[in-house]
Each structure stands twice: as structure tokens, then as C-alpha cells.
């Protein structure tokens, strides 16, 4: 924090001119600091009489890293069904645990959810910490945070992974603060540094223009939220078994600040991009909303779903629920056809794990061709109707 020695200050106002936050002012012939100060230290360098002192906060004690072992995955579930992202994280967590030579465990909170442990074992977990209590019937920030913090403090996992869902994003950050560690949000890649055992957490940064790899070398557990559909789902083995560790969360209903009175289910739009096996997306190249039917017709002919790039959505041509990309849905279908999409990194971050990518674009230098398995240089308005007609004809013959 900033301290000003009144016995040295000459009220020259040099610090006022340099402060980028307007955090200094002159009062009674001396400079004073207000609540806008961020302790950036810019004022210290310009004071001609050395009247300003920046007192550094003492470094926090580094945790005993050797005391932390194991990879954990938060098993998010709703109404007795595991969210697919949790199974994807178990698949990825299995690889991380093997690289570290440690165990993989799931953390399952809910009411009447013990039967879900079998699925956790099938996807690689060796044990499941189970808190099966009425207080966890519905997700609430307080109850889930308190339970997870207690488990982490008691068992000291080395890595904890959460799905980057509404619930995962909501309470993972609170857990990180409570256990005094870091959290990397919306990761698209995870691997282990074999020398340091640090988790290398990769995520898009600066609007998706760069991919940043983030480390948490001095604190444990290392925690990350991971976007759905970026990790490959392994084949389940239902012959696998594991250990169920039943825990008493210590969370009481009267300690939870919120109550779930009722759940009103919204009638969802009949488009599920994340689970689609085939997606056809349109971008700026479609030219306007009146041409989006070309994308929908090709998707229908293939038995797939129509998507869109951010440009098409922001232009008001296509509803937001069809958006694929960093700020839309992350998808990984068997077939992804990009029509009139240049391939900005934000869009690629949401679909580049697709099994087969086909690009249609008039610009042969468009970045989308760098990730495409097949490319067609041409006008989508001429190409997609021909593809649609041909596909319908072939399917008609069958």
C-alpha cells in the first residue's frame, strides 16, 4: 500500500499528474491517498523528495506441494443424469493421472445419485467421493462450495477439474478463493509438465487471438474449468469397478442462504449443436438472412444441424443459439461444414476438434482452409444447392 510522509511532502503535485487513477489529492498542504489507489507505484518514481513509500505485502507462504496427490473431477449432474462434460473430463483426467502416476477420483454431490458412481468408474475413476444428502438435491452455490472446500482441505488433491458450465463457473471460482489457489477458466487443452508436475492449462486469451498456457506452480490444488466438447470422450468400460467413499459434508440446510421454491423448465429450441454428429454452419459469406435457408437445407439433407459464425449472429441474420465458437457453443461433430466462414481464431476454438472439416469459401487464403480436411474454393450460393441436391438423390436411392 502507498504511504506518504507528511514531514517530507512539499505539495508539489507531481504525483497527482502521474497517478493514472486519480487516487491522490492535496489536503492541508500535503498529499493524501483516497480509495481509488491500486498501489501501482507510479507516484513513487516521480516524487522529488522521496515522500511516497510503497509498502509491499508480505508474500503468502507457499503450500507444501508434496502433500497433494490425485486428480479430481467434479461430477456435475442434473436430476440424476451426469452432464456429458463430466465424462469428458474423466476421460481426460485419466490421462493426466496416468502421466502423474496417481489416482483419478470423482466428486459427486446430490440426492439419490449413488447409482451414477458406476458410470464414473466406467470412464476411468478409481474412486468416487459421494455426498448423497437432501441438501444437495438442487445445485446451490453455498452448499456445493462448502462441501467441495471441506473435501479439498481434508484430502488435498493435486488437480481439480470442473466443466465450464453455468454451475461449474459459478462455484469453482469461490472454491479457489476459499482454498487459496488459482483457477484457469475455459481451458481448451490440458497436459502435464513431467519435470515439475505442473498442470499446463491452455486457453484462448485476448479475444481468442492468442492461446495462453497458464501454470500454478506454488499453490495446490491446480484448478481449471474446461469447455464442453473440447476433450475426447473415451470408450466406457462397464466392467471396471472402484471405491465409493461416502462423506458427511457437514452442510446443514439452515446454513444455506438460498431456497429453491420451484424450477420452471423453459421449452428449449429444438437445436442441440453440442450433441450433433453433423453440423453445417454459415458465416459472413451467406450475405444475409434470406440466404440462410441454403445452410439449413444442406444440414437437413445430411441429417444434421445448422449452425453459424459469430458474424452471422451479430449481424442479426441467425439466432444466437446457433452460434459456434469461443463465445458460442463448442462442438466436435463427426462432420463440420463451414460455408462462407473465413476461420477467425474465435470460431476455430469452437470447432477445430471436429473429426472431419469441410470448408467452402471464395478466398483460397482463408484461415479455415488451414484446419479443413477438404476445401472447396467457390461461391457457397452455387455450391451448396448442388451438394444438397446430390445428397438428396443419393439418399433417395438408398
Foldseek 3Di string as FASTA:
>chain_A
DKDFAFVQFQPPCQLCVQDPQNQWDDDPRGIDGHPSDPLPCRSQVRRPRNRMDRDDDDDDDFDPLVQAAEEEEEFDDAPQHTDVQSLLVLLVSQVLCVLVVGFYEYEYEAAPRPVCVLQSQQSGHAEYAYAHDPLRNDDDQVLVLLLVLVVCVVRHHQEYEYALDPRRVRRVVVNCVSQVFDEAEAFLDWHADSVQRWIFTWDAPPLLPDIDTDTGRRHDNYYYHYYPASGDRDRTDSVGDHYYHYDHSPDDNVVGPDDDPDDDDDDDDPADQAPWQEEEEEECLLPALVSCVLSVLLQVLVVTGYAYDVRCCVVVSDPQQRYFFQPHAAHAHQEYEYEQDLCDSRRCSRYLNHNAYEYEEQDPPRCVVVSHPYYHRDRSVPPSVVSSVVSNVVVVVD
